[in-house]
Amino acid sequence: MGTKQDRRSFLKMSVTSGTGLAIGCLSLSGCVNPTKTDTTARKEKKMNEMIAYCGLTCHSCPILLATREKNEEKRNKMRTEIARICKEQYGMEYKPEDITDCDGCKTEGGRLFSGCKKCDIRKCARQKNVENCAHCSEYACETLEKFFTMDPDAKARLDVIRSAF
C-alpha cells in the first residue's frame, strides 16, 4: 500500500495525470455557452476561476466535478474511480460513498468534502479571513511552502495574485 497523502496530493495528482478525463469528466474551463444569459456566463466564469485558499483550481477537482455531474450512474463511477485512486496511489481508505459532495473549500454553509474540512491551510485562511493565502501577511508560511513542494503550480497562481497588489 502506498504512503498516506493528504487531499491536496490527490487533487494535484488528479489534475496533472488527467484523472478527470480518465473518469469521464470534462474540464469546465471555457465552457461558457454564448446562448446563456450574461448572468449565467458570469457565474460560470467565476467558477472557472475559483482558486482555493492554497492556490489549487477548484474547477479541475475530481470531487467537485463528481458533485456537479447530473447523471447518477456516471457520478457513481467517478466516485468509485476517485476512491480507487486514493487507495492505490495514496493509501487513503475511502469507499465510493465516502466521496461526498463538495462545492469547493470556500463554500459557506454548503457541501464540503471531509478532506477539505480537515485542511490546515483552509482553517488558517478562514481564521484570518483572507480570500486566499496570497492575501496573507505571512505569505508564504512554512505550511504553505511544504504544500508548494507537491504543487508548484499553486505557488505560481498565488504569486500572480500577490503581485497584483
N, C-alpha and C. Protein backbone atom coordinates (compact mmCIF):
# COMPACT_ATOMS: atom_id res chain seq x y z
N MET A 1 0.85 -1.18 0.00
CA MET A 1 0.00 0.00 0.00
C MET A 1 0.89 1.23 0.00
N GLY A 2 0.51 2.27 -0.69
CA GLY A 2 1.31 3.50 -0.80
C GLY A 2 1.32 4.28 0.49
N THR A 3 2.17 5.29 0.53
CA THR A 3 2.22 6.14 1.71
C THR A 3 0.98 7.02 1.74
N LYS A 4 0.59 7.39 2.93
CA LYS A 4 -0.60 8.24 3.06
C LYS A 4 -0.28 9.64 2.60
N GLN A 5 -1.19 10.21 1.86
CA GLN A 5 -1.06 11.57 1.37
C GLN A 5 -2.35 12.32 1.71
N ASP A 6 -2.26 13.61 1.71
CA ASP A 6 -3.45 14.38 2.01
C ASP A 6 -4.27 14.63 0.75
N ARG A 7 -5.40 15.28 0.93
CA ARG A 7 -6.33 15.58 -0.17
C ARG A 7 -5.66 16.37 -1.27
N ARG A 8 -4.80 17.30 -0.89
CA ARG A 8 -4.14 18.14 -1.89
C ARG A 8 -3.25 17.32 -2.81
N SER A 9 -2.57 16.31 -2.26
CA SER A 9 -1.76 15.43 -3.09
C SER A 9 -2.63 14.72 -4.10
N PHE A 10 -3.77 14.23 -3.65
CA PHE A 10 -4.70 13.56 -4.54
C PHE A 10 -5.19 14.49 -5.63
N LEU A 11 -5.58 15.69 -5.24
CA LEU A 11 -6.08 16.65 -6.22
C LEU A 11 -5.01 17.02 -7.22
N LYS A 12 -3.78 17.21 -6.73
CA LYS A 12 -2.66 17.54 -7.62
C LYS A 12 -2.46 16.41 -8.62
N MET A 13 -2.45 15.17 -8.12
CA MET A 13 -2.26 14.02 -9.00
C MET A 13 -3.39 13.94 -10.00
N SER A 14 -4.60 14.19 -9.56
CA SER A 14 -5.75 14.10 -10.44
C SER A 14 -5.68 15.11 -11.57
N VAL A 15 -5.27 16.32 -11.24
CA VAL A 15 -5.19 17.37 -12.24
C VAL A 15 -4.06 17.10 -13.22
N THR A 16 -2.88 16.73 -12.70
CA THR A 16 -1.73 16.57 -13.58
C THR A 16 -1.75 15.29 -14.38
N SER A 17 -2.43 14.25 -13.88
CA SER A 17 -2.44 12.99 -14.61
C SER A 17 -3.63 12.85 -15.53
N GLY A 18 -4.51 13.84 -15.52
CA GLY A 18 -5.68 13.77 -16.39
C GLY A 18 -6.75 12.84 -15.86
N THR A 19 -6.74 12.56 -14.57
CA THR A 19 -7.72 11.66 -14.00
C THR A 19 -9.13 12.11 -14.32
N GLY A 20 -9.37 13.40 -14.34
CA GLY A 20 -10.69 13.90 -14.67
C GLY A 20 -11.18 13.32 -15.98
N LEU A 21 -10.32 13.29 -16.98
CA LEU A 21 -10.71 12.72 -18.26
C LEU A 21 -10.82 11.22 -18.17
N ALA A 22 -9.94 10.59 -17.39
CA ALA A 22 -9.95 9.14 -17.28
C ALA A 22 -11.23 8.64 -16.63
N ILE A 23 -11.83 9.46 -15.78
CA ILE A 23 -13.05 9.02 -15.13
C ILE A 23 -14.29 9.62 -15.79
N GLY A 24 -14.10 10.16 -16.96
CA GLY A 24 -15.25 10.61 -17.73
C GLY A 24 -15.65 12.04 -17.47
N CYS A 25 -14.81 12.82 -16.81
CA CYS A 25 -15.14 14.21 -16.53
C CYS A 25 -14.72 15.07 -17.71
N LEU A 26 -15.39 16.16 -17.86
CA LEU A 26 -14.98 17.14 -18.85
C LEU A 26 -14.51 18.37 -18.10
N SER A 27 -13.46 18.98 -18.57
CA SER A 27 -12.99 20.21 -17.94
C SER A 27 -14.07 21.26 -18.08
N LEU A 28 -14.24 22.06 -17.05
CA LEU A 28 -15.26 23.09 -17.08
C LEU A 28 -14.72 24.41 -17.61
N SER A 29 -13.43 24.53 -17.75
CA SER A 29 -12.89 25.81 -18.20
C SER A 29 -13.26 26.08 -19.65
N GLY A 30 -13.66 27.27 -19.89
CA GLY A 30 -14.00 27.66 -21.25
C GLY A 30 -15.36 27.19 -21.72
N CYS A 31 -16.19 26.73 -20.83
CA CYS A 31 -17.48 26.18 -21.23
C CYS A 31 -18.60 27.19 -21.12
N VAL A 32 -18.36 28.39 -21.50
CA VAL A 32 -19.42 29.40 -21.43
C VAL A 32 -20.22 29.31 -22.72
N ASN A 33 -21.49 29.04 -22.59
CA ASN A 33 -22.37 28.88 -23.73
C ASN A 33 -22.86 30.27 -24.15
N PRO A 34 -22.60 30.67 -25.40
CA PRO A 34 -22.98 32.01 -25.83
C PRO A 34 -24.49 32.25 -25.82
N THR A 35 -25.30 31.21 -25.76
CA THR A 35 -26.75 31.40 -25.74
C THR A 35 -27.28 31.63 -24.33
N LYS A 36 -26.43 31.48 -23.34
CA LYS A 36 -26.88 31.69 -21.96
C LYS A 36 -26.91 33.17 -21.65
N THR A 37 -27.61 33.51 -20.59
CA THR A 37 -27.69 34.90 -20.18
C THR A 37 -26.34 35.38 -19.69
N ASP A 38 -26.15 36.69 -19.67
CA ASP A 38 -24.89 37.25 -19.16
C ASP A 38 -24.65 36.84 -17.72
N THR A 39 -25.69 36.79 -16.90
CA THR A 39 -25.55 36.41 -15.50
C THR A 39 -25.04 34.99 -15.38
N THR A 40 -25.60 34.07 -16.14
CA THR A 40 -25.16 32.68 -16.12
C THR A 40 -23.72 32.58 -16.58
N ALA A 41 -23.37 33.28 -17.63
CA ALA A 41 -21.99 33.25 -18.14
C ALA A 41 -21.02 33.78 -17.09
N ARG A 42 -21.39 34.85 -16.38
CA ARG A 42 -20.52 35.39 -15.33
C ARG A 42 -20.33 34.39 -14.20
N LYS A 43 -21.41 33.70 -13.82
CA LYS A 43 -21.31 32.69 -12.76
C LYS A 43 -20.39 31.56 -13.18
N GLU A 44 -20.52 31.10 -14.42
CA GLU A 44 -19.65 30.04 -14.91
C GLU A 44 -18.21 30.50 -14.94
N LYS A 45 -17.98 31.73 -15.40
CA LYS A 45 -16.62 32.26 -15.44
C LYS A 45 -16.02 32.32 -14.04
N LYS A 46 -16.81 32.76 -13.06
CA LYS A 46 -16.34 32.83 -11.69
C LYS A 46 -15.96 31.44 -11.19
N MET A 47 -16.79 30.43 -11.48
CA MET A 47 -16.47 29.08 -11.05
C MET A 47 -15.20 28.59 -11.72
N ASN A 48 -15.03 28.92 -13.01
CA ASN A 48 -13.84 28.51 -13.72
C ASN A 48 -12.59 29.11 -13.11
N GLU A 49 -12.72 30.27 -12.51
CA GLU A 49 -11.58 30.95 -11.92
C GLU A 49 -11.46 30.69 -10.43
N MET A 50 -12.29 29.82 -9.87
CA MET A 50 -12.31 29.58 -8.44
C MET A 50 -10.95 29.02 -7.99
N ILE A 51 -10.24 29.82 -7.19
CA ILE A 51 -8.94 29.42 -6.67
C ILE A 51 -9.11 29.14 -5.18
N ALA A 52 -8.67 27.98 -4.76
CA ALA A 52 -8.73 27.61 -3.35
C ALA A 52 -7.76 28.47 -2.55
N TYR A 53 -7.89 28.43 -1.25
CA TYR A 53 -7.01 29.20 -0.38
C TYR A 53 -5.54 28.91 -0.68
N CYS A 54 -5.22 27.67 -0.99
CA CYS A 54 -3.84 27.23 -1.21
C CYS A 54 -3.34 27.47 -2.63
N GLY A 55 -4.22 27.84 -3.54
CA GLY A 55 -3.82 28.07 -4.92
C GLY A 55 -4.26 26.99 -5.89
N LEU A 56 -4.87 25.91 -5.40
CA LEU A 56 -5.41 24.90 -6.31
C LEU A 56 -6.60 25.49 -7.06
N THR A 57 -6.86 24.97 -8.24
CA THR A 57 -8.02 25.42 -9.00
C THR A 57 -9.17 24.45 -8.76
N CYS A 58 -10.20 24.94 -8.14
CA CYS A 58 -11.34 24.10 -7.77
C CYS A 58 -12.05 23.50 -8.99
N HIS A 59 -12.08 24.22 -10.09
CA HIS A 59 -12.85 23.73 -11.25
C HIS A 59 -12.29 22.43 -11.82
N SER A 60 -11.05 22.07 -11.49
CA SER A 60 -10.50 20.83 -12.00
C SER A 60 -10.46 19.72 -10.95
N CYS A 61 -11.02 19.97 -9.78
CA CYS A 61 -11.05 18.97 -8.71
C CYS A 61 -12.01 17.84 -9.09
N PRO A 62 -11.54 16.59 -9.08
CA PRO A 62 -12.43 15.49 -9.47
C PRO A 62 -13.62 15.32 -8.52
N ILE A 63 -13.46 15.71 -7.27
CA ILE A 63 -14.58 15.61 -6.32
C ILE A 63 -15.64 16.65 -6.65
N LEU A 64 -15.21 17.86 -6.96
CA LEU A 64 -16.16 18.90 -7.37
C LEU A 64 -16.84 18.50 -8.68
N LEU A 65 -16.09 17.94 -9.61
CA LEU A 65 -16.66 17.52 -10.88
C LEU A 65 -17.70 16.42 -10.67
N ALA A 66 -17.42 15.49 -9.77
CA ALA A 66 -18.39 14.43 -9.47
C ALA A 66 -19.64 15.02 -8.83
N THR A 67 -19.46 16.01 -7.97
CA THR A 67 -20.58 16.68 -7.33
C THR A 67 -21.50 17.31 -8.36
N ARG A 68 -20.94 17.89 -9.38
CA ARG A 68 -21.71 18.62 -10.39
C ARG A 68 -22.27 17.72 -11.49
N GLU A 69 -21.84 16.46 -11.51
CA GLU A 69 -22.33 15.53 -12.53
C GLU A 69 -23.81 15.24 -12.31
N LYS A 70 -24.62 15.43 -13.32
CA LYS A 70 -26.08 15.23 -13.23
C LYS A 70 -26.48 13.75 -13.35
N ASN A 71 -25.74 13.00 -14.15
CA ASN A 71 -26.06 11.60 -14.39
C ASN A 71 -25.58 10.77 -13.19
N GLU A 72 -26.53 10.17 -12.47
CA GLU A 72 -26.20 9.44 -11.24
C GLU A 72 -25.25 8.27 -11.50
N GLU A 73 -25.44 7.54 -12.57
CA GLU A 73 -24.57 6.41 -12.87
C GLU A 73 -23.14 6.88 -13.14
N LYS A 74 -23.01 7.92 -13.90
CA LYS A 74 -21.69 8.47 -14.20
C LYS A 74 -21.04 9.03 -12.92
N ARG A 75 -21.83 9.72 -12.10
CA ARG A 75 -21.32 10.27 -10.84
C ARG A 75 -20.81 9.14 -9.93
N ASN A 76 -21.54 8.04 -9.86
CA ASN A 76 -21.11 6.90 -9.03
C ASN A 76 -19.82 6.28 -9.56
N LYS A 77 -19.69 6.19 -10.88
CA LYS A 77 -18.45 5.68 -11.47
C LYS A 77 -17.28 6.60 -11.16
N MET A 78 -17.52 7.89 -11.22
CA MET A 78 -16.47 8.86 -10.92
C MET A 78 -16.01 8.70 -9.46
N ARG A 79 -16.95 8.56 -8.55
CA ARG A 79 -16.61 8.41 -7.13
C ARG A 79 -15.89 7.09 -6.87
N THR A 80 -16.26 6.04 -7.57
CA THR A 80 -15.57 4.77 -7.45
C THR A 80 -14.12 4.92 -7.90
N GLU A 81 -13.92 5.62 -9.00
CA GLU A 81 -12.57 5.85 -9.53
C GLU A 81 -11.76 6.72 -8.57
N ILE A 82 -12.35 7.74 -8.00
CA ILE A 82 -11.65 8.60 -7.04
C ILE A 82 -11.22 7.77 -5.84
N ALA A 83 -12.11 6.93 -5.31
CA ALA A 83 -11.78 6.08 -4.15
C ALA A 83 -10.65 5.12 -4.51
N ARG A 84 -10.69 4.55 -5.70
CA ARG A 84 -9.64 3.62 -6.13
C ARG A 84 -8.28 4.32 -6.19
N ILE A 85 -8.26 5.49 -6.77
CA ILE A 85 -7.00 6.24 -6.89
C ILE A 85 -6.49 6.63 -5.51
N CYS A 86 -7.38 7.05 -4.64
CA CYS A 86 -6.97 7.40 -3.27
C CYS A 86 -6.28 6.22 -2.60
N LYS A 87 -6.84 5.03 -2.76
CA LYS A 87 -6.28 3.84 -2.13
C LYS A 87 -4.97 3.41 -2.79
N GLU A 88 -4.97 3.29 -4.10
CA GLU A 88 -3.80 2.78 -4.81
C GLU A 88 -2.62 3.74 -4.79
N GLN A 89 -2.89 5.00 -4.99
CA GLN A 89 -1.81 5.97 -5.11
C GLN A 89 -1.38 6.59 -3.78
N TYR A 90 -2.33 6.68 -2.84
CA TYR A 90 -2.04 7.45 -1.63
C TYR A 90 -2.31 6.72 -0.33
N GLY A 91 -2.79 5.49 -0.39
CA GLY A 91 -3.04 4.73 0.82
C GLY A 91 -4.18 5.28 1.65
N MET A 92 -5.03 6.07 1.03
CA MET A 92 -6.18 6.67 1.73
C MET A 92 -7.37 5.74 1.54
N GLU A 93 -7.92 5.26 2.61
CA GLU A 93 -9.01 4.30 2.56
C GLU A 93 -10.36 5.00 2.46
N TYR A 94 -10.83 5.17 1.25
CA TYR A 94 -12.16 5.73 1.02
C TYR A 94 -12.98 4.72 0.24
N LYS A 95 -14.25 4.65 0.56
CA LYS A 95 -15.21 3.91 -0.24
C LYS A 95 -15.87 4.93 -1.14
N PRO A 96 -16.45 4.50 -2.25
CA PRO A 96 -17.12 5.47 -3.13
C PRO A 96 -18.13 6.35 -2.39
N GLU A 97 -18.84 5.77 -1.43
CA GLU A 97 -19.82 6.56 -0.69
C GLU A 97 -19.18 7.58 0.26
N ASP A 98 -17.87 7.42 0.53
CA ASP A 98 -17.13 8.40 1.35
C ASP A 98 -16.78 9.65 0.55
N ILE A 99 -16.82 9.56 -0.77
CA ILE A 99 -16.51 10.70 -1.62
C ILE A 99 -17.79 11.52 -1.71
N THR A 100 -17.94 12.38 -0.73
CA THR A 100 -19.17 13.15 -0.59
C THR A 100 -19.16 14.37 -1.50
N ASP A 101 -20.33 14.95 -1.66
CA ASP A 101 -20.45 16.16 -2.45
C ASP A 101 -19.62 17.28 -1.84
N CYS A 102 -19.08 18.12 -2.71
CA CYS A 102 -18.28 19.26 -2.26
C CYS A 102 -18.47 20.39 -3.26
N ASP A 103 -18.70 21.58 -2.72
CA ASP A 103 -18.88 22.76 -3.56
C ASP A 103 -17.64 23.66 -3.56
N GLY A 104 -16.52 23.14 -3.08
CA GLY A 104 -15.28 23.91 -3.03
C GLY A 104 -14.95 24.32 -1.61
N CYS A 105 -13.67 24.50 -1.33
CA CYS A 105 -13.24 24.74 0.06
C CYS A 105 -13.70 26.10 0.60
N LYS A 106 -14.15 26.98 -0.26
CA LYS A 106 -14.61 28.29 0.19
C LYS A 106 -16.11 28.35 0.43
N THR A 107 -16.76 27.22 0.28
CA THR A 107 -18.21 27.19 0.44
C THR A 107 -18.64 27.68 1.82
N GLU A 108 -19.71 28.43 1.84
CA GLU A 108 -20.29 28.93 3.09
C GLU A 108 -21.58 28.17 3.34
N GLY A 109 -21.55 27.26 4.27
CA GLY A 109 -22.75 26.51 4.61
C GLY A 109 -23.16 25.48 3.58
N GLY A 110 -22.35 25.25 2.58
CA GLY A 110 -22.66 24.27 1.55
C GLY A 110 -22.01 22.93 1.85
N ARG A 111 -21.97 22.11 0.85
CA ARG A 111 -21.38 20.78 0.98
C ARG A 111 -19.87 20.88 0.95
N LEU A 112 -19.20 20.09 1.80
CA LEU A 112 -17.75 20.14 1.90
C LEU A 112 -17.20 18.74 2.12
N PHE A 113 -16.28 18.33 1.26
CA PHE A 113 -15.61 17.03 1.38
C PHE A 113 -14.86 16.97 2.71
N SER A 114 -14.82 15.79 3.33
CA SER A 114 -14.18 15.64 4.64
C SER A 114 -12.71 16.07 4.63
N GLY A 115 -12.00 15.82 3.53
CA GLY A 115 -10.60 16.25 3.44
C GLY A 115 -10.48 17.76 3.49
N CYS A 116 -11.44 18.46 2.91
CA CYS A 116 -11.45 19.92 2.96
C CYS A 116 -11.71 20.41 4.38
N LYS A 117 -12.60 19.71 5.07
CA LYS A 117 -12.93 20.10 6.44
C LYS A 117 -11.72 20.02 7.34
N LYS A 118 -10.80 19.07 7.06
CA LYS A 118 -9.63 18.85 7.90
C LYS A 118 -8.40 19.65 7.46
N CYS A 119 -8.48 20.36 6.37
CA CYS A 119 -7.32 21.03 5.77
C CYS A 119 -6.82 22.18 6.66
N ASP A 120 -5.56 22.11 7.08
CA ASP A 120 -4.96 23.15 7.93
C ASP A 120 -4.83 24.48 7.21
N ILE A 121 -4.53 24.44 5.92
CA ILE A 121 -4.40 25.68 5.15
C ILE A 121 -5.76 26.38 5.09
N ARG A 122 -6.80 25.62 4.83
CA ARG A 122 -8.15 26.18 4.78
C ARG A 122 -8.53 26.79 6.13
N LYS A 123 -8.27 26.05 7.21
CA LYS A 123 -8.61 26.55 8.55
C LYS A 123 -7.91 27.87 8.83
N CYS A 124 -6.63 27.95 8.52
CA CYS A 124 -5.85 29.15 8.78
C CYS A 124 -6.38 30.33 7.96
N ALA A 125 -6.61 30.13 6.68
CA ALA A 125 -7.09 31.21 5.81
C ALA A 125 -8.46 31.71 6.26
N ARG A 126 -9.31 30.82 6.68
CA ARG A 126 -10.64 31.22 7.15
C ARG A 126 -10.54 32.00 8.46
N GLN A 127 -9.63 31.58 9.35
CA GLN A 127 -9.43 32.31 10.61
C GLN A 127 -8.93 33.72 10.35
N LYS A 128 -8.06 33.86 9.34
CA LYS A 128 -7.50 35.17 9.01
C LYS A 128 -8.41 35.97 8.08
N ASN A 129 -9.48 35.34 7.63
CA ASN A 129 -10.46 35.99 6.76
C ASN A 129 -9.82 36.57 5.49
N VAL A 130 -9.00 35.74 4.83
CA VAL A 130 -8.37 36.16 3.58
C VAL A 130 -9.01 35.40 2.42
N GLU A 131 -9.03 36.02 1.26
CA GLU A 131 -9.61 35.39 0.07
C GLU A 131 -8.83 34.13 -0.29
N ASN A 132 -7.53 34.21 -0.24
CA ASN A 132 -6.63 33.07 -0.40
C ASN A 132 -5.30 33.44 0.24
N CYS A 133 -4.39 32.51 0.28
CA CYS A 133 -3.14 32.73 1.00
C CYS A 133 -2.28 33.85 0.41
N ALA A 134 -2.47 34.20 -0.84
CA ALA A 134 -1.72 35.31 -1.44
C ALA A 134 -2.01 36.61 -0.72
N HIS A 135 -3.16 36.71 -0.09
CA HIS A 135 -3.57 37.93 0.62
C HIS A 135 -3.13 37.95 2.09
N CYS A 136 -2.41 36.94 2.51
CA CYS A 136 -1.99 36.82 3.91
C CYS A 136 -0.68 37.56 4.15
N SER A 137 -0.59 38.23 5.28
CA SER A 137 0.64 38.96 5.63
C SER A 137 1.81 38.01 5.91
N GLU A 138 1.52 36.74 6.15
CA GLU A 138 2.57 35.76 6.42
C GLU A 138 2.89 34.89 5.20
N TYR A 139 2.45 35.32 4.03
CA TYR A 139 2.68 34.55 2.80
C TYR A 139 4.17 34.52 2.50
N ALA A 140 4.70 33.43 2.16
CA ALA A 140 4.22 32.07 2.21
C ALA A 140 4.80 31.42 3.47
N CYS A 141 3.92 30.98 4.33
CA CYS A 141 4.31 30.37 5.59
C CYS A 141 4.91 28.98 5.36
N GLU A 142 5.40 28.40 6.43
CA GLU A 142 6.03 27.08 6.34
C GLU A 142 5.06 26.01 5.85
N THR A 143 3.84 26.04 6.32
CA THR A 143 2.83 25.06 5.89
C THR A 143 2.57 25.17 4.40
N LEU A 144 2.46 26.39 3.92
CA LEU A 144 2.21 26.61 2.50
C LEU A 144 3.43 26.22 1.67
N GLU A 145 4.62 26.57 2.13
CA GLU A 145 5.85 26.19 1.41
C GLU A 145 5.96 24.67 1.28
N LYS A 146 5.60 23.97 2.33
CA LYS A 146 5.61 22.50 2.28
C LYS A 146 4.63 22.00 1.22
N PHE A 147 3.44 22.60 1.18
CA PHE A 147 2.45 22.24 0.18
C PHE A 147 2.97 22.53 -1.23
N PHE A 148 3.65 23.65 -1.41
CA PHE A 148 4.15 24.04 -2.73
C PHE A 148 5.15 23.02 -3.28
N THR A 149 5.81 22.25 -2.43
CA THR A 149 6.72 21.22 -2.94
C THR A 149 5.94 20.15 -3.69
N MET A 150 4.67 19.97 -3.32
CA MET A 150 3.81 19.00 -4.01
C MET A 150 3.10 19.63 -5.20
N ASP A 151 2.91 20.94 -5.17
CA ASP A 151 2.17 21.60 -6.24
C ASP A 151 2.75 22.99 -6.53
N PRO A 152 3.84 23.04 -7.30
CA PRO A 152 4.44 24.33 -7.65
C PRO A 152 3.51 25.23 -8.45
N ASP A 153 2.55 24.65 -9.17
CA ASP A 153 1.61 25.46 -9.93
C ASP A 153 0.72 26.30 -9.01
N ALA A 154 0.40 25.75 -7.84
CA ALA A 154 -0.40 26.51 -6.87
C ALA A 154 0.38 27.74 -6.41
N LYS A 155 1.67 27.58 -6.20
CA LYS A 155 2.52 28.72 -5.81
C LYS A 155 2.53 29.77 -6.92
N ALA A 156 2.67 29.32 -8.14
CA ALA A 156 2.69 30.25 -9.28
C ALA A 156 1.38 31.04 -9.36
N ARG A 157 0.26 30.37 -9.15
CA ARG A 157 -1.05 31.06 -9.18
C ARG A 157 -1.12 32.11 -8.08
N LEU A 158 -0.73 31.73 -6.87
CA LEU A 158 -0.80 32.67 -5.75
C LEU A 158 0.21 33.81 -5.93
N ASP A 159 1.38 33.51 -6.49
CA ASP A 159 2.37 34.57 -6.74
C ASP A 159 1.82 35.62 -7.70
N VAL A 160 1.10 35.17 -8.73
CA VAL A 160 0.50 36.10 -9.69
C VAL A 160 -0.54 36.97 -8.98
N ILE A 161 -1.37 36.36 -8.17
CA ILE A 161 -2.38 37.13 -7.43
C ILE A 161 -1.70 38.13 -6.51
N ARG A 162 -0.68 37.68 -5.80
CA ARG A 162 0.02 38.55 -4.85
C ARG A 162 0.70 39.73 -5.57
N SER A 163 1.23 39.48 -6.73
CA SER A 163 1.94 40.54 -7.47
C SER A 163 0.99 41.63 -7.97
N ALA A 164 -0.31 41.33 -7.99
CA ALA A 164 -1.29 42.29 -8.48
C ALA A 164 -1.66 43.36 -7.46
N PHE A 165 -1.16 43.22 -6.22
CA PHE A 165 -1.46 44.27 -5.24
C PHE A 165 -0.23 44.74 -4.53
